[in-house]
Amino acid sequence: MVIGVTGGYCAGKDAAARILARHGIIEINEDEIGHEALQALKGPIIEAFGVSILRGDGAIDRRVLGSVVFSHLEALKRLEDIVHPWMVEETRKRIAAAGSTHVEVNAAILHRMGLHLLCDVVLIIDAPLPVRFLRARKRDGLSIRETVKRLRIQRKQRQNAGTRKQFLNEKGVNVDTVIVNNGGTQFALARRLEALLSELGITGR
């Protein structure tokens, strides 16, 4: 079974992914694959954004690139057009390599990338906006302005993706979307996820 795990900025999808991994589910982390994509596609990215995004050692400076693409939606789309096809294909390979083992695809923009079409069920981790704002300030140390900007950008991405509660994956199988509330403690989140796994017939290691 392939489980998609997504959610808004600082809603707690990574915490959810860690809980699922404790139950023997292999995690495919799209942030990690994205880092690999920056190396694999370094040439086209430099061509699109210039040498100013490079560090002194010649590697792409992700912080500089992030400040560019999160300031302009057009720049973000340009980067996504370069890296997303590579990331989706790499994800497909890792799912195939897992064989019959349960897999989770941890992706902030699962639907926008089209990764939901590889899944058998999708979990959207949700939390109230004030909770997400406070988590973002504590975790990333961004200014209030930068935090609000990131929340707005991801909201627009999710709106543009047209998230649906039920859809057909690329195998033609009906896929359910489950909203998982994470406005409280990680213990409460773990209990909710364990109940869901039980419903899906996944009992753990």
N, C-alpha and C. Protein backbone atom coordinates (compact mmCIF):
# COMPACT_ATOMS: atom_id res chain seq x y z
N MET A 1 0.84 -1.20 0.00
CA MET A 1 0.00 0.00 0.00
C MET A 1 0.87 1.25 0.00
N VAL A 2 0.49 2.23 -0.79
CA VAL A 2 1.20 3.50 -0.85
C VAL A 2 0.32 4.57 -0.19
N ILE A 3 0.86 5.18 0.87
CA ILE A 3 0.12 6.18 1.63
C ILE A 3 0.73 7.56 1.36
N GLY A 4 -0.06 8.47 0.84
CA GLY A 4 0.40 9.83 0.66
C GLY A 4 0.22 10.61 1.95
N VAL A 5 1.23 11.35 2.36
CA VAL A 5 1.16 12.17 3.57
C VAL A 5 1.48 13.61 3.19
N THR A 6 0.51 14.48 3.40
CA THR A 6 0.71 15.88 3.04
C THR A 6 0.03 16.77 4.07
N GLY A 7 0.16 18.08 3.89
CA GLY A 7 -0.44 19.02 4.83
C GLY A 7 0.18 20.39 4.67
N GLY A 8 -0.47 21.38 5.25
CA GLY A 8 0.02 22.75 5.17
C GLY A 8 1.32 22.96 5.92
N TYR A 9 1.93 24.10 5.66
CA TYR A 9 3.19 24.48 6.30
C TYR A 9 3.06 24.40 7.82
N CYS A 10 3.89 23.56 8.44
CA CYS A 10 3.93 23.36 9.90
C CYS A 10 2.64 22.78 10.47
N ALA A 11 1.91 22.02 9.64
CA ALA A 11 0.73 21.33 10.15
C ALA A 11 1.11 20.04 10.87
N GLY A 12 2.32 19.52 10.58
CA GLY A 12 2.78 18.33 11.27
C GLY A 12 2.91 17.09 10.42
N LYS A 13 3.07 17.25 9.09
CA LYS A 13 3.17 16.07 8.24
C LYS A 13 4.44 15.26 8.54
N ASP A 14 5.54 15.93 8.88
CA ASP A 14 6.77 15.20 9.19
C ASP A 14 6.62 14.39 10.48
N ALA A 15 5.93 14.96 11.45
CA ALA A 15 5.66 14.22 12.69
C ALA A 15 4.81 13.00 12.38
N ALA A 16 3.82 13.17 11.51
CA ALA A 16 2.97 12.04 11.11
C ALA A 16 3.78 10.98 10.38
N ALA A 17 4.68 11.43 9.50
CA ALA A 17 5.51 10.49 8.74
C ALA A 17 6.40 9.67 9.68
N ARG A 18 6.94 10.31 10.71
CA ARG A 18 7.78 9.58 11.68
C ARG A 18 6.97 8.52 12.43
N ILE A 19 5.75 8.88 12.77
CA ILE A 19 4.88 7.91 13.47
C ILE A 19 4.59 6.72 12.58
N LEU A 20 4.28 6.96 11.31
CA LEU A 20 4.01 5.86 10.38
C LEU A 20 5.25 4.99 10.20
N ALA A 21 6.43 5.63 10.15
CA ALA A 21 7.67 4.87 9.98
C ALA A 21 7.93 3.93 11.15
N ARG A 22 7.48 4.34 12.33
CA ARG A 22 7.66 3.48 13.51
C ARG A 22 6.84 2.20 13.39
N HIS A 23 5.87 2.21 12.48
CA HIS A 23 5.04 1.03 12.26
C HIS A 23 5.50 0.23 11.04
N GLY A 24 6.74 0.45 10.65
CA GLY A 24 7.33 -0.35 9.58
C GLY A 24 7.04 0.13 8.18
N ILE A 25 6.50 1.32 8.03
CA ILE A 25 6.18 1.86 6.71
C ILE A 25 7.39 2.63 6.19
N ILE A 26 7.84 2.29 5.00
CA ILE A 26 9.02 2.93 4.42
C ILE A 26 8.66 4.35 3.97
N GLU A 27 9.45 5.32 4.42
CA GLU A 27 9.18 6.71 4.05
C GLU A 27 9.97 7.12 2.81
N ILE A 28 9.27 7.70 1.87
CA ILE A 28 9.89 8.38 0.73
C ILE A 28 9.69 9.87 0.98
N ASN A 29 10.77 10.55 1.33
CA ASN A 29 10.69 11.95 1.72
C ASN A 29 11.01 12.84 0.52
N GLU A 30 10.03 13.61 0.07
CA GLU A 30 10.22 14.42 -1.13
C GLU A 30 11.17 15.59 -0.91
N ASP A 31 11.35 16.03 0.34
CA ASP A 31 12.36 17.06 0.60
C ASP A 31 13.75 16.50 0.28
N GLU A 32 14.00 15.27 0.70
CA GLU A 32 15.29 14.65 0.42
C GLU A 32 15.49 14.42 -1.07
N ILE A 33 14.43 13.96 -1.73
CA ILE A 33 14.53 13.76 -3.18
C ILE A 33 14.74 15.10 -3.88
N GLY A 34 14.11 16.16 -3.34
CA GLY A 34 14.30 17.49 -3.91
C GLY A 34 15.75 17.94 -3.82
N HIS A 35 16.42 17.62 -2.71
CA HIS A 35 17.84 17.97 -2.57
C HIS A 35 18.67 17.23 -3.62
N GLU A 36 18.32 15.96 -3.84
CA GLU A 36 19.02 15.18 -4.85
C GLU A 36 18.77 15.76 -6.24
N ALA A 37 17.56 16.26 -6.46
CA ALA A 37 17.23 16.84 -7.77
C ALA A 37 18.06 18.08 -8.05
N LEU A 38 18.35 18.86 -7.01
CA LEU A 38 19.17 20.06 -7.20
C LEU A 38 20.55 19.70 -7.72
N GLN A 39 21.08 18.56 -7.27
CA GLN A 39 22.39 18.12 -7.75
C GLN A 39 22.28 17.53 -9.15
N ALA A 40 21.26 16.69 -9.36
CA ALA A 40 21.11 16.03 -10.66
C ALA A 40 20.81 17.01 -11.77
N LEU A 41 20.11 18.10 -11.43
CA LEU A 41 19.66 19.07 -12.44
C LEU A 41 20.33 20.43 -12.24
N LYS A 42 21.53 20.40 -11.72
CA LYS A 42 22.25 21.65 -11.40
C LYS A 42 22.39 22.55 -12.63
N GLY A 43 22.74 21.97 -13.76
CA GLY A 43 22.93 22.77 -14.98
C GLY A 43 21.70 23.55 -15.39
N PRO A 44 20.55 22.88 -15.59
CA PRO A 44 19.34 23.61 -15.96
C PRO A 44 18.90 24.64 -14.92
N ILE A 45 19.14 24.36 -13.65
CA ILE A 45 18.74 25.30 -12.60
C ILE A 45 19.60 26.56 -12.65
N ILE A 46 20.89 26.39 -12.84
CA ILE A 46 21.77 27.56 -12.97
C ILE A 46 21.41 28.37 -14.20
N GLU A 47 21.09 27.66 -15.28
CA GLU A 47 20.69 28.34 -16.52
C GLU A 47 19.44 29.18 -16.29
N ALA A 48 18.53 28.68 -15.45
CA ALA A 48 17.27 29.39 -15.20
C ALA A 48 17.42 30.54 -14.21
N PHE A 49 18.30 30.39 -13.21
CA PHE A 49 18.36 31.38 -12.12
C PHE A 49 19.71 32.09 -11.97
N GLY A 50 20.71 31.70 -12.74
CA GLY A 50 21.99 32.40 -12.70
C GLY A 50 22.95 31.88 -11.66
N VAL A 51 24.20 32.31 -11.76
CA VAL A 51 25.26 31.83 -10.87
C VAL A 51 25.17 32.43 -9.47
N SER A 52 24.30 33.41 -9.27
CA SER A 52 24.18 34.03 -7.94
C SER A 52 23.60 33.06 -6.91
N ILE A 53 23.04 31.94 -7.36
CA ILE A 53 22.47 30.97 -6.42
C ILE A 53 23.52 29.96 -5.95
N LEU A 54 24.77 30.11 -6.42
CA LEU A 54 25.82 29.16 -6.06
C LEU A 54 26.58 29.61 -4.81
N ARG A 55 27.02 28.61 -4.03
CA ARG A 55 27.91 28.87 -2.90
C ARG A 55 29.34 28.97 -3.42
N GLY A 56 30.26 29.30 -2.52
CA GLY A 56 31.66 29.43 -2.91
C GLY A 56 32.25 28.14 -3.43
N ASP A 57 31.72 27.00 -2.96
CA ASP A 57 32.25 25.71 -3.41
C ASP A 57 31.59 25.21 -4.69
N GLY A 58 30.71 26.04 -5.27
CA GLY A 58 30.08 25.67 -6.53
C GLY A 58 28.76 24.94 -6.41
N ALA A 59 28.37 24.57 -5.19
CA ALA A 59 27.08 23.90 -4.98
C ALA A 59 25.96 24.94 -4.93
N ILE A 60 24.75 24.49 -5.22
CA ILE A 60 23.60 25.39 -5.15
C ILE A 60 23.31 25.73 -3.69
N ASP A 61 23.18 27.01 -3.40
CA ASP A 61 22.83 27.47 -2.06
C ASP A 61 21.31 27.43 -1.93
N ARG A 62 20.81 26.45 -1.21
CA ARG A 62 19.35 26.27 -1.13
C ARG A 62 18.65 27.44 -0.45
N ARG A 63 19.35 28.08 0.49
CA ARG A 63 18.74 29.23 1.16
C ARG A 63 18.56 30.40 0.18
N VAL A 64 19.58 30.65 -0.64
CA VAL A 64 19.50 31.73 -1.63
C VAL A 64 18.44 31.40 -2.67
N LEU A 65 18.45 30.17 -3.17
CA LEU A 65 17.46 29.76 -4.17
C LEU A 65 16.06 29.86 -3.59
N GLY A 66 15.91 29.44 -2.32
CA GLY A 66 14.60 29.53 -1.67
C GLY A 66 14.10 30.95 -1.55
N SER A 67 15.01 31.89 -1.24
CA SER A 67 14.59 33.29 -1.11
C SER A 67 14.12 33.85 -2.44
N VAL A 68 14.69 33.33 -3.53
CA VAL A 68 14.28 33.77 -4.87
C VAL A 68 12.91 33.22 -5.23
N VAL A 69 12.73 31.91 -5.08
CA VAL A 69 11.50 31.29 -5.56
C VAL A 69 10.31 31.55 -4.64
N PHE A 70 10.57 31.78 -3.34
CA PHE A 70 9.46 32.06 -2.44
C PHE A 70 9.05 33.53 -2.47
N SER A 71 9.78 34.32 -3.23
CA SER A 71 9.42 35.73 -3.38
C SER A 71 8.53 35.96 -4.59
N HIS A 72 8.57 35.03 -5.55
CA HIS A 72 7.80 35.19 -6.78
C HIS A 72 7.24 33.84 -7.21
N LEU A 73 5.93 33.76 -7.35
CA LEU A 73 5.30 32.50 -7.76
C LEU A 73 5.77 32.06 -9.14
N GLU A 74 6.09 33.04 -10.02
CA GLU A 74 6.56 32.68 -11.36
C GLU A 74 7.89 31.95 -11.27
N ALA A 75 8.77 32.43 -10.39
CA ALA A 75 10.07 31.79 -10.21
C ALA A 75 9.91 30.40 -9.61
N LEU A 76 8.98 30.27 -8.67
CA LEU A 76 8.72 28.97 -8.06
C LEU A 76 8.23 27.97 -9.10
N LYS A 77 7.35 28.41 -9.97
CA LYS A 77 6.83 27.52 -11.03
C LYS A 77 7.95 27.11 -11.98
N ARG A 78 8.85 28.04 -12.27
CA ARG A 78 9.97 27.74 -13.17
C ARG A 78 10.85 26.63 -12.57
N LEU A 79 11.11 26.75 -11.26
CA LEU A 79 11.91 25.72 -10.60
C LEU A 79 11.17 24.38 -10.57
N GLU A 80 9.88 24.43 -10.26
CA GLU A 80 9.08 23.19 -10.21
C GLU A 80 9.03 22.50 -11.56
N ASP A 81 8.94 23.27 -12.63
CA ASP A 81 8.89 22.69 -13.97
C ASP A 81 10.19 21.93 -14.28
N ILE A 82 11.28 22.36 -13.66
CA ILE A 82 12.57 21.71 -13.88
C ILE A 82 12.69 20.44 -13.04
N VAL A 83 12.38 20.54 -11.74
CA VAL A 83 12.70 19.45 -10.82
C VAL A 83 11.58 18.43 -10.60
N HIS A 84 10.32 18.84 -10.73
CA HIS A 84 9.22 17.93 -10.38
C HIS A 84 9.16 16.67 -11.24
N PRO A 85 9.31 16.75 -12.55
CA PRO A 85 9.26 15.50 -13.33
C PRO A 85 10.33 14.49 -12.89
N TRP A 86 11.53 14.98 -12.60
CA TRP A 86 12.61 14.10 -12.13
C TRP A 86 12.25 13.49 -10.78
N MET A 87 11.68 14.30 -9.89
CA MET A 87 11.30 13.82 -8.55
C MET A 87 10.20 12.77 -8.60
N VAL A 88 9.22 12.98 -9.47
CA VAL A 88 8.12 12.02 -9.60
C VAL A 88 8.65 10.69 -10.11
N GLU A 89 9.53 10.73 -11.09
CA GLU A 89 10.08 9.49 -11.65
C GLU A 89 10.93 8.77 -10.61
N GLU A 90 11.71 9.51 -9.82
CA GLU A 90 12.52 8.91 -8.76
C GLU A 90 11.62 8.27 -7.71
N THR A 91 10.51 8.94 -7.38
CA THR A 91 9.56 8.38 -6.42
C THR A 91 8.96 7.09 -6.95
N ARG A 92 8.62 7.08 -8.20
CA ARG A 92 8.04 5.89 -8.83
C ARG A 92 9.03 4.71 -8.72
N LYS A 93 10.31 4.98 -8.94
CA LYS A 93 11.33 3.94 -8.85
C LYS A 93 11.42 3.38 -7.43
N ARG A 94 11.35 4.27 -6.44
CA ARG A 94 11.48 3.82 -5.05
C ARG A 94 10.27 3.03 -4.59
N ILE A 95 9.11 3.41 -5.07
CA ILE A 95 7.90 2.63 -4.76
C ILE A 95 8.04 1.23 -5.34
N ALA A 96 8.50 1.14 -6.59
CA ALA A 96 8.67 -0.15 -7.24
C ALA A 96 9.70 -1.00 -6.50
N ALA A 97 10.78 -0.34 -6.03
CA ALA A 97 11.85 -1.07 -5.33
C ALA A 97 11.38 -1.62 -3.99
N ALA A 98 10.36 -0.99 -3.39
CA ALA A 98 9.85 -1.43 -2.09
C ALA A 98 9.07 -2.74 -2.20
N GLY A 99 8.64 -3.08 -3.40
CA GLY A 99 7.90 -4.32 -3.60
C GLY A 99 6.58 -4.33 -2.85
N SER A 100 6.38 -5.35 -2.02
CA SER A 100 5.12 -5.49 -1.29
C SER A 100 5.11 -4.76 0.05
N THR A 101 6.22 -4.10 0.39
CA THR A 101 6.29 -3.37 1.66
C THR A 101 5.46 -2.10 1.59
N HIS A 102 4.78 -1.76 2.68
CA HIS A 102 3.99 -0.52 2.71
C HIS A 102 4.93 0.69 2.63
N VAL A 103 4.48 1.70 1.87
CA VAL A 103 5.30 2.89 1.62
C VAL A 103 4.49 4.14 1.90
N GLU A 104 5.15 5.17 2.43
CA GLU A 104 4.51 6.48 2.57
C GLU A 104 5.28 7.49 1.75
N VAL A 105 4.56 8.35 1.04
CA VAL A 105 5.16 9.43 0.26
C VAL A 105 4.88 10.72 1.01
N ASN A 106 5.92 11.28 1.63
CA ASN A 106 5.83 12.49 2.45
C ASN A 106 6.12 13.70 1.58
N ALA A 107 5.09 14.46 1.23
CA ALA A 107 5.26 15.59 0.31
C ALA A 107 4.33 16.74 0.66
N ALA A 108 4.90 17.91 0.84
CA ALA A 108 4.10 19.09 1.18
C ALA A 108 3.11 19.42 0.07
N ILE A 109 3.53 19.23 -1.17
CA ILE A 109 2.66 19.56 -2.31
C ILE A 109 2.41 18.30 -3.13
N LEU A 110 1.94 17.28 -2.44
CA LEU A 110 1.67 15.97 -3.04
C LEU A 110 0.81 16.08 -4.28
N HIS A 111 -0.31 16.81 -4.18
CA HIS A 111 -1.25 16.92 -5.30
C HIS A 111 -0.68 17.78 -6.42
N ARG A 112 -0.02 18.84 -6.08
CA ARG A 112 0.54 19.73 -7.11
C ARG A 112 1.57 18.99 -7.97
N MET A 113 2.31 18.08 -7.33
CA MET A 113 3.33 17.32 -8.06
C MET A 113 2.72 16.15 -8.83
N GLY A 114 1.47 15.82 -8.53
CA GLY A 114 0.84 14.68 -9.16
C GLY A 114 1.17 13.36 -8.48
N LEU A 115 1.82 13.44 -7.32
CA LEU A 115 2.20 12.23 -6.59
C LEU A 115 1.01 11.50 -5.99
N HIS A 116 -0.11 12.20 -5.80
CA HIS A 116 -1.30 11.55 -5.26
C HIS A 116 -1.78 10.43 -6.18
N LEU A 117 -1.45 10.53 -7.46
CA LEU A 117 -1.88 9.52 -8.42
C LEU A 117 -1.11 8.21 -8.27
N LEU A 118 -0.05 8.23 -7.46
CA LEU A 118 0.71 7.02 -7.18
C LEU A 118 0.23 6.34 -5.91
N CYS A 119 -0.71 6.96 -5.20
CA CYS A 119 -1.10 6.51 -3.86
C CYS A 119 -2.36 5.66 -3.85
N ASP A 120 -2.51 4.89 -2.75
CA ASP A 120 -3.71 4.11 -2.51
C ASP A 120 -4.63 4.80 -1.50
N VAL A 121 -4.07 5.68 -0.69
CA VAL A 121 -4.83 6.50 0.25
C VAL A 121 -4.00 7.75 0.52
N VAL A 122 -4.67 8.87 0.78
CA VAL A 122 -3.96 10.12 1.05
C VAL A 122 -4.40 10.66 2.42
N LEU A 123 -3.41 10.97 3.26
CA LEU A 123 -3.67 11.58 4.56
C LEU A 123 -3.26 13.05 4.50
N ILE A 124 -4.19 13.94 4.79
CA ILE A 124 -3.88 15.37 4.87
C ILE A 124 -3.83 15.75 6.34
N ILE A 125 -2.63 16.09 6.80
CA ILE A 125 -2.45 16.49 8.19
C ILE A 125 -2.81 17.97 8.30
N ASP A 126 -3.72 18.27 9.22
CA ASP A 126 -4.25 19.63 9.32
C ASP A 126 -4.11 20.15 10.74
N ALA A 127 -4.01 21.46 10.87
CA ALA A 127 -3.95 22.12 12.17
C ALA A 127 -4.46 23.54 11.99
N PRO A 128 -5.03 24.14 13.03
CA PRO A 128 -5.51 25.53 12.93
C PRO A 128 -4.38 26.48 12.55
N LEU A 129 -4.71 27.51 11.79
CA LEU A 129 -3.71 28.46 11.31
C LEU A 129 -2.88 29.08 12.44
N PRO A 130 -3.48 29.52 13.57
CA PRO A 130 -2.65 30.08 14.65
C PRO A 130 -1.62 29.08 15.18
N VAL A 131 -2.00 27.81 15.26
CA VAL A 131 -1.07 26.78 15.73
C VAL A 131 0.08 26.63 14.74
N ARG A 132 -0.24 26.61 13.46
CA ARG A 132 0.79 26.47 12.43
C ARG A 132 1.72 27.67 12.43
N PHE A 133 1.17 28.86 12.63
CA PHE A 133 1.97 30.08 12.66
C PHE A 133 2.99 30.02 13.80
N LEU A 134 2.54 29.63 14.98
CA LEU A 134 3.44 29.56 16.14
C LEU A 134 4.50 28.48 15.96
N ARG A 135 4.10 27.35 15.39
CA ARG A 135 5.07 26.29 15.12
C ARG A 135 6.13 26.74 14.14
N ALA A 136 5.70 27.47 13.11
CA ALA A 136 6.63 27.95 12.09
C ALA A 136 7.65 28.93 12.68
N ARG A 137 7.17 29.83 13.51
CA ARG A 137 8.07 30.81 14.14
C ARG A 137 9.09 30.11 15.03
N LYS A 138 8.63 29.10 15.76
CA LYS A 138 9.52 28.38 16.68
C LYS A 138 10.50 27.49 15.93
N ARG A 139 10.00 26.79 14.89
CA ARG A 139 10.84 25.81 14.19
C ARG A 139 11.85 26.46 13.26
N ASP A 140 11.39 27.42 12.45
CA ASP A 140 12.24 27.96 11.39
C ASP A 140 12.88 29.30 11.72
N GLY A 141 12.40 29.96 12.79
CA GLY A 141 12.99 31.23 13.18
C GLY A 141 12.83 32.34 12.16
N LEU A 142 11.78 32.26 11.33
CA LEU A 142 11.55 33.28 10.32
C LEU A 142 10.89 34.51 10.94
N SER A 143 10.99 35.62 10.23
CA SER A 143 10.28 36.82 10.67
C SER A 143 8.79 36.60 10.49
N ILE A 144 7.99 37.46 11.13
CA ILE A 144 6.54 37.35 10.97
C ILE A 144 6.16 37.47 9.50
N ARG A 145 6.80 38.42 8.80
CA ARG A 145 6.50 38.63 7.39
C ARG A 145 6.82 37.40 6.54
N GLU A 146 8.00 36.79 6.77
CA GLU A 146 8.38 35.61 6.00
C GLU A 146 7.47 34.43 6.31
N THR A 147 7.06 34.29 7.57
CA THR A 147 6.17 33.20 7.95
C THR A 147 4.83 33.33 7.24
N VAL A 148 4.26 34.53 7.26
CA VAL A 148 2.98 34.77 6.59
C VAL A 148 3.10 34.52 5.10
N LYS A 149 4.23 34.93 4.51
CA LYS A 149 4.43 34.75 3.07
C LYS A 149 4.43 33.26 2.71
N ARG A 150 5.11 32.46 3.51
CA ARG A 150 5.17 31.02 3.22
C ARG A 150 3.81 30.36 3.40
N LEU A 151 3.08 30.77 4.41
CA LEU A 151 1.73 30.23 4.61
C LEU A 151 0.83 30.57 3.43
N ARG A 152 0.94 31.79 2.93
CA ARG A 152 0.12 32.22 1.80
C ARG A 152 0.48 31.48 0.53
N ILE A 153 1.77 31.33 0.27
CA ILE A 153 2.21 30.66 -0.95
C ILE A 153 1.73 29.22 -0.98
N GLN A 154 1.88 28.51 0.15
CA GLN A 154 1.45 27.12 0.14
C GLN A 154 -0.06 26.99 0.05
N ARG A 155 -0.79 27.96 0.63
CA ARG A 155 -2.25 27.93 0.50
C ARG A 155 -2.65 28.06 -0.96
N LYS A 156 -1.98 28.96 -1.70
CA LYS A 156 -2.28 29.13 -3.12
C LYS A 156 -1.94 27.88 -3.91
N GLN A 157 -0.81 27.24 -3.54
CA GLN A 157 -0.42 26.01 -4.23
C GLN A 157 -1.48 24.93 -4.05
N ARG A 158 -1.98 24.79 -2.83
CA ARG A 158 -2.97 23.76 -2.55
C ARG A 158 -4.29 24.06 -3.24
N GLN A 159 -4.66 25.37 -3.30
CA GLN A 159 -5.89 25.75 -4.00
C GLN A 159 -5.77 25.45 -5.48
N ASN A 160 -4.62 25.77 -6.06
CA ASN A 160 -4.41 25.54 -7.49
C ASN A 160 -4.39 24.06 -7.84
N ALA A 161 -3.98 23.22 -6.86
CA ALA A 161 -3.89 21.79 -7.12
C ALA A 161 -5.27 21.14 -7.18
N GLY A 162 -6.29 21.80 -6.65
CA GLY A 162 -7.64 21.26 -6.70
C GLY A 162 -7.80 19.96 -5.94
N THR A 163 -7.35 19.94 -4.69
CA THR A 163 -7.42 18.74 -3.86
C THR A 163 -8.86 18.22 -3.76
N ARG A 164 -9.03 16.93 -4.05
CA ARG A 164 -10.35 16.31 -3.97
C ARG A 164 -10.36 15.23 -2.90
N LYS A 165 -11.53 15.00 -2.30
CA LYS A 165 -11.61 14.01 -1.24
C LYS A 165 -11.60 12.59 -1.78
N GLN A 166 -11.93 12.42 -3.05
CA GLN A 166 -11.92 11.10 -3.65
C GLN A 166 -11.54 11.23 -5.11
N PHE A 167 -10.68 10.33 -5.60
CA PHE A 167 -10.22 10.42 -6.98
C PHE A 167 -9.72 9.04 -7.40
N LEU A 168 -9.46 8.89 -8.69
CA LEU A 168 -8.89 7.66 -9.22
C LEU A 168 -7.39 7.83 -9.36
N ASN A 169 -6.61 6.85 -8.87
CA ASN A 169 -5.17 6.92 -9.07
C ASN A 169 -4.83 6.41 -10.47
N GLU A 170 -3.54 6.35 -10.78
CA GLU A 170 -3.18 6.00 -12.16
C GLU A 170 -3.44 4.52 -12.47
N LYS A 171 -3.73 3.71 -11.45
CA LYS A 171 -4.13 2.31 -11.67
C LYS A 171 -5.63 2.19 -11.88
N GLY A 172 -6.35 3.33 -11.78
CA GLY A 172 -7.79 3.31 -11.95
C GLY A 172 -8.55 2.91 -10.71
N VAL A 173 -7.85 2.93 -9.56
CA VAL A 173 -8.46 2.54 -8.29
C VAL A 173 -8.92 3.77 -7.53
N ASN A 174 -10.09 3.70 -6.92
CA ASN A 174 -10.62 4.82 -6.16
C ASN A 174 -9.79 5.05 -4.89
N VAL A 175 -9.38 6.30 -4.67
CA VAL A 175 -8.53 6.65 -3.53
C VAL A 175 -9.28 7.59 -2.60
N ASP A 176 -9.28 7.26 -1.32
CA ASP A 176 -9.90 8.13 -0.32
C ASP A 176 -8.88 9.11 0.25
N THR A 177 -9.36 10.30 0.59
CA THR A 177 -8.55 11.30 1.27
C THR A 177 -9.07 11.44 2.69
N VAL A 178 -8.16 11.34 3.67
CA VAL A 178 -8.54 11.42 5.07
C VAL A 178 -7.88 12.64 5.70
N ILE A 179 -8.68 13.50 6.32
CA ILE A 179 -8.16 14.67 7.04
C ILE A 179 -7.83 14.24 8.46
N VAL A 180 -6.59 14.47 8.88
CA VAL A 180 -6.14 14.09 10.22
C VAL A 180 -5.83 15.36 11.00
N ASN A 181 -6.58 15.60 12.07
CA ASN A 181 -6.37 16.81 12.87
C ASN A 181 -5.14 16.68 13.74
N ASN A 182 -4.29 17.70 13.70
CA ASN A 182 -3.07 17.72 14.52
C ASN A 182 -2.95 19.05 15.26
N GLY A 183 -4.03 19.46 15.88
CA GLY A 183 -4.01 20.70 16.64
C GLY A 183 -3.57 20.53 18.07
N GLY A 184 -3.31 19.27 18.47
CA GLY A 184 -2.95 19.00 19.86
C GLY A 184 -1.55 18.42 19.99
N THR A 185 -1.43 17.38 20.81
CA THR A 185 -0.13 16.79 21.11
C THR A 185 0.24 15.72 20.09
N GLN A 186 1.53 15.35 20.07
CA GLN A 186 1.98 14.29 19.20
C GLN A 186 1.41 12.94 19.66
N PHE A 187 1.16 12.79 20.95
CA PHE A 187 0.54 11.57 21.45
C PHE A 187 -0.84 11.40 20.85
N ALA A 188 -1.61 12.50 20.81
CA ALA A 188 -2.96 12.44 20.23
C ALA A 188 -2.89 12.13 18.74
N LEU A 189 -1.90 12.72 18.05
CA LEU A 189 -1.72 12.46 16.62
C LEU A 189 -1.39 10.98 16.40
N ALA A 190 -0.52 10.44 17.25
CA ALA A 190 -0.15 9.02 17.12
C ALA A 190 -1.36 8.11 17.28
N ARG A 191 -2.22 8.43 18.24
CA ARG A 191 -3.41 7.60 18.45
C ARG A 191 -4.32 7.64 17.23
N ARG A 192 -4.48 8.82 16.63
CA ARG A 192 -5.34 8.94 15.44
C ARG A 192 -4.77 8.14 14.27
N LEU A 193 -3.46 8.25 14.09
CA LEU A 193 -2.84 7.54 12.97
C LEU A 193 -2.86 6.03 13.18
N GLU A 194 -2.66 5.60 14.40
CA GLU A 194 -2.69 4.16 14.67
C GLU A 194 -4.09 3.60 14.42
N ALA A 195 -5.11 4.38 14.74
CA ALA A 195 -6.49 3.94 14.46
C ALA A 195 -6.71 3.84 12.95
N LEU A 196 -6.17 4.78 12.20
CA LEU A 196 -6.31 4.75 10.75
C LEU A 196 -5.59 3.55 10.15
N LEU A 197 -4.38 3.28 10.65
CA LEU A 197 -3.63 2.13 10.14
C LEU A 197 -4.40 0.84 10.40
N SER A 198 -5.03 0.77 11.56
CA SER A 198 -5.83 -0.42 11.88
C SER A 198 -6.97 -0.57 10.89
N GLU A 199 -7.63 0.55 10.54
CA GLU A 199 -8.72 0.50 9.57
C GLU A 199 -8.23 0.06 8.20
N LEU A 200 -6.97 0.43 7.88
CA LEU A 200 -6.40 0.07 6.58
C LEU A 200 -5.82 -1.34 6.57
N GLY A 201 -5.86 -1.98 7.74
CA GLY A 201 -5.35 -3.35 7.82
C GLY A 201 -3.86 -3.43 8.03
N ILE A 202 -3.25 -2.31 8.47
CA ILE A 202 -1.81 -2.27 8.74
C ILE A 202 -1.63 -2.27 10.26
N THR A 203 -1.10 -3.35 10.78
CA THR A 203 -1.03 -3.48 12.24
C THR A 203 0.36 -3.19 12.80
N GLY A 204 1.30 -2.81 11.96
CA GLY A 204 2.63 -2.47 12.46
C GLY A 204 3.64 -3.57 12.18
N ARG A 205 4.79 -3.45 12.83
CA ARG A 205 5.90 -4.39 12.61
C ARG A 205 5.53 -5.81 13.05
